[in-house]
């Protein structure tokens, strides 16, 4: 039971035991921010391509229906 108390006190301490952990958290947040930007760019690219395909198909359909 005393092992559990020691384990919990390490998590409840206001400062991390190592400064390296703080630097690592900053680095991790920077990676997450960069990944979020890449994900947003990929979503916008997919939406742009899908919009282009829909416009091309719609233009083709309108031109064939007008020709009849």
N, C-alpha and C. Protein backbone atom coordinates (compact mmCIF):
# COMPACT_ATOMS: atom_id res chain seq x y z
N UNK A 1 0.82 -1.19 0.00
CA UNK A 1 0.00 0.00 0.00
C UNK A 1 0.87 1.26 0.00
N UNK A 2 2.01 1.20 0.67
CA UNK A 2 2.87 2.38 0.70
C UNK A 2 3.43 2.67 -0.69
N UNK A 3 3.57 1.63 -1.51
CA UNK A 3 4.01 1.84 -2.90
C UNK A 3 3.02 2.66 -3.69
N UNK A 4 1.73 2.42 -3.43
CA UNK A 4 0.69 3.19 -4.10
C UNK A 4 0.75 4.65 -3.68
N UNK A 5 1.00 4.89 -2.37
CA UNK A 5 1.08 6.28 -1.90
C UNK A 5 2.24 7.00 -2.55
N UNK A 6 3.37 6.35 -2.66
CA UNK A 6 4.53 6.97 -3.31
C UNK A 6 4.25 7.23 -4.78
N UNK A 7 3.58 6.32 -5.42
CA UNK A 7 3.25 6.45 -6.84
C UNK A 7 2.30 7.62 -7.05
N UNK A 8 1.30 7.74 -6.18
CA UNK A 8 0.33 8.83 -6.31
C UNK A 8 0.96 10.18 -5.98
N UNK A 9 1.85 10.24 -5.02
CA UNK A 9 2.47 11.52 -4.66
C UNK A 9 3.34 12.04 -5.79
N UNK A 10 3.92 11.15 -6.56
CA UNK A 10 4.73 11.60 -7.70
C UNK A 10 3.85 12.27 -8.74
N UNK A 11 2.62 11.78 -8.93
CA UNK A 11 1.72 12.39 -9.91
C UNK A 11 1.10 13.68 -9.39
N UNK A 12 0.94 13.81 -8.07
CA UNK A 12 0.31 14.98 -7.49
C UNK A 12 1.29 16.12 -7.23
N UNK A 13 2.58 15.91 -7.47
CA UNK A 13 3.54 16.98 -7.21
C UNK A 13 3.34 18.10 -8.23
N UNK A 14 3.45 19.37 -7.79
CA UNK A 14 3.17 20.50 -8.69
C UNK A 14 4.20 20.66 -9.79
N UNK A 15 5.44 20.24 -9.55
CA UNK A 15 6.48 20.37 -10.58
C UNK A 15 6.93 18.98 -11.00
N UNK A 16 7.25 18.80 -12.25
CA UNK A 16 7.74 17.49 -12.68
C UNK A 16 9.11 17.20 -12.07
N UNK A 17 9.42 15.94 -11.86
CA UNK A 17 10.71 15.61 -11.22
C UNK A 17 11.90 15.98 -12.10
N UNK A 18 11.73 16.05 -13.40
CA UNK A 18 12.83 16.40 -14.31
C UNK A 18 12.40 17.56 -15.20
N UNK A 19 13.32 18.46 -15.47
CA UNK A 19 13.03 19.56 -16.40
C UNK A 19 12.90 19.03 -17.83
N UNK A 20 13.54 17.89 -18.11
CA UNK A 20 13.47 17.30 -19.45
C UNK A 20 12.03 16.99 -19.83
N UNK A 21 11.22 16.57 -18.85
CA UNK A 21 9.82 16.26 -19.14
C UNK A 21 9.08 17.51 -19.61
N UNK A 22 9.39 18.65 -19.04
CA UNK A 22 8.73 19.89 -19.46
C UNK A 22 9.13 20.24 -20.89
N UNK A 23 10.39 20.13 -21.23
CA UNK A 23 10.84 20.38 -22.60
C UNK A 23 10.23 19.39 -23.57
N UNK A 24 10.06 18.17 -23.14
CA UNK A 24 9.48 17.15 -24.00
C UNK A 24 8.00 17.46 -24.28
N UNK A 25 7.30 17.97 -23.28
CA UNK A 25 5.89 18.32 -23.47
C UNK A 25 5.77 19.46 -24.48
N UNK A 26 6.67 20.43 -24.43
CA UNK A 26 6.64 21.53 -25.38
C UNK A 26 6.88 20.99 -26.78
N UNK A 27 7.87 20.10 -26.91
CA UNK A 27 8.17 19.52 -28.21
C UNK A 27 6.99 18.71 -28.73
N UNK A 28 6.33 17.96 -27.84
CA UNK A 28 5.17 17.18 -28.24
C UNK A 28 4.04 18.08 -28.70
N UNK A 29 3.83 19.20 -28.02
CA UNK A 29 2.76 20.11 -28.43
C UNK A 29 3.07 20.74 -29.78
N UNK A 30 4.35 21.00 -30.05
CA UNK A 30 4.72 21.56 -31.35
C UNK A 30 4.46 20.55 -32.45
N UNK A 31 4.75 19.28 -32.20
CA UNK A 31 4.48 18.23 -33.19
C UNK A 31 2.98 18.11 -33.42
N UNK A 32 2.19 18.16 -32.34
CA UNK A 32 0.74 18.06 -32.49
C UNK A 32 0.20 19.23 -33.29
N UNK A 33 0.74 20.42 -33.05
CA UNK A 33 0.30 21.60 -33.78
C UNK A 33 0.63 21.46 -35.26
N UNK A 34 1.83 20.96 -35.56
CA UNK A 34 2.24 20.77 -36.95
C UNK A 34 1.37 19.69 -37.61
N UNK A 35 1.10 18.61 -36.88
CA UNK A 35 0.25 17.56 -37.43
C UNK A 35 -1.16 18.07 -37.70
N UNK A 36 -1.65 18.95 -36.84
CA UNK A 36 -2.97 19.53 -37.02
C UNK A 36 -3.00 20.40 -38.29
N UNK A 37 -1.92 21.14 -38.52
CA UNK A 37 -1.83 21.96 -39.73
C UNK A 37 -1.80 21.09 -40.98
N UNK A 38 -1.03 20.00 -40.95
CA UNK A 38 -0.97 19.09 -42.10
C UNK A 38 -2.32 18.44 -42.34
N UNK A 39 -3.01 18.06 -41.27
CA UNK A 39 -4.32 17.44 -41.40
C UNK A 39 -5.32 18.42 -42.02
N UNK A 40 -5.28 19.67 -41.60
CA UNK A 40 -6.16 20.69 -42.15
C UNK A 40 -5.85 20.93 -43.63
N UNK A 41 -4.57 20.98 -43.98
CA UNK A 41 -4.18 21.16 -45.38
C UNK A 41 -4.64 19.98 -46.23
N UNK A 42 -4.53 18.77 -45.70
CA UNK A 42 -4.97 17.59 -46.44
C UNK A 42 -6.48 17.60 -46.64
N UNK A 43 -7.22 17.99 -45.62
CA UNK A 43 -8.69 18.06 -45.73
C UNK A 43 -9.09 19.10 -46.77
N UNK A 44 -8.44 20.26 -46.74
CA UNK A 44 -8.76 21.30 -47.71
C UNK A 44 -8.41 20.87 -49.13
N UNK A 45 -7.31 20.15 -49.29
CA UNK A 45 -6.92 19.65 -50.61
C UNK A 45 -7.94 18.65 -51.14
N UNK A 46 -8.38 17.74 -50.28
CA UNK A 46 -9.38 16.76 -50.69
C UNK A 46 -10.69 17.45 -51.06
N UNK A 47 -11.09 18.44 -50.28
CA UNK A 47 -12.32 19.17 -50.60
C UNK A 47 -12.20 19.93 -51.91
N UNK A 48 -11.04 20.51 -52.19
CA UNK A 48 -10.83 21.24 -53.44
C UNK A 48 -10.90 20.29 -54.64
N UNK A 49 -10.26 19.13 -54.52
CA UNK A 49 -10.28 18.16 -55.62
C UNK A 49 -11.70 17.64 -55.82
N UNK A 50 -12.39 17.33 -54.73
CA UNK A 50 -13.76 16.83 -54.85
C UNK A 50 -14.67 17.89 -55.47
N UNK A 51 -14.51 19.15 -55.10
CA UNK A 51 -15.30 20.22 -55.70
C UNK A 51 -15.02 20.34 -57.19
N UNK A 52 -13.75 20.23 -57.56
CA UNK A 52 -13.39 20.29 -58.97
C UNK A 52 -14.01 19.15 -59.77
N UNK A 53 -14.02 17.96 -59.20
CA UNK A 53 -14.62 16.81 -59.89
C UNK A 53 -16.12 17.01 -60.05
N UNK A 54 -16.77 17.49 -59.00
CA UNK A 54 -18.21 17.72 -59.07
C UNK A 54 -18.53 18.79 -60.12
N UNK A 55 -17.76 19.86 -60.17
CA UNK A 55 -17.99 20.92 -61.15
C UNK A 55 -17.76 20.39 -62.56
N UNK A 56 -16.73 19.59 -62.77
CA UNK A 56 -16.46 19.03 -64.10
C UNK A 56 -17.60 18.10 -64.53
N UNK A 57 -18.07 17.26 -63.64
CA UNK A 57 -19.16 16.36 -63.98
C UNK A 57 -20.45 17.13 -64.25
N UNK A 58 -20.71 18.16 -63.48
CA UNK A 58 -21.90 18.98 -63.68
C UNK A 58 -21.83 19.72 -65.01
N UNK A 59 -20.67 20.27 -65.34
CA UNK A 59 -20.50 20.96 -66.62
C UNK A 59 -20.67 20.00 -67.78
N UNK A 60 -20.15 18.79 -67.66
CA UNK A 60 -20.30 17.77 -68.70
C UNK A 60 -21.75 17.39 -68.86
N UNK A 61 -22.45 17.21 -67.76
CA UNK A 61 -23.86 16.83 -67.81
C UNK A 61 -24.69 17.95 -68.42
N UNK A 62 -24.41 19.20 -68.06
CA UNK A 62 -25.17 20.32 -68.62
C UNK A 62 -24.89 20.46 -70.11
N UNK A 63 -23.64 20.30 -70.53
CA UNK A 63 -23.33 20.45 -71.96
C UNK A 63 -23.97 19.33 -72.79
N UNK A 64 -24.04 18.12 -72.26
CA UNK A 64 -24.68 17.05 -73.02
C UNK A 64 -26.20 17.20 -73.03
N UNK A 65 -26.76 17.70 -71.95
CA UNK A 65 -28.23 17.89 -71.93
C UNK A 65 -28.65 19.08 -72.80
N UNK A 66 -27.79 20.08 -72.96
CA UNK A 66 -28.11 21.22 -73.82
C UNK A 66 -27.99 20.85 -75.29
N UNK A 67 -27.13 19.89 -75.59
CA UNK A 67 -26.91 19.48 -76.98
C UNK A 67 -28.05 18.65 -77.55
N UNK A 68 -28.88 18.09 -76.74
CA UNK A 68 -29.95 17.22 -77.21
C UNK A 68 -31.08 17.98 -77.78
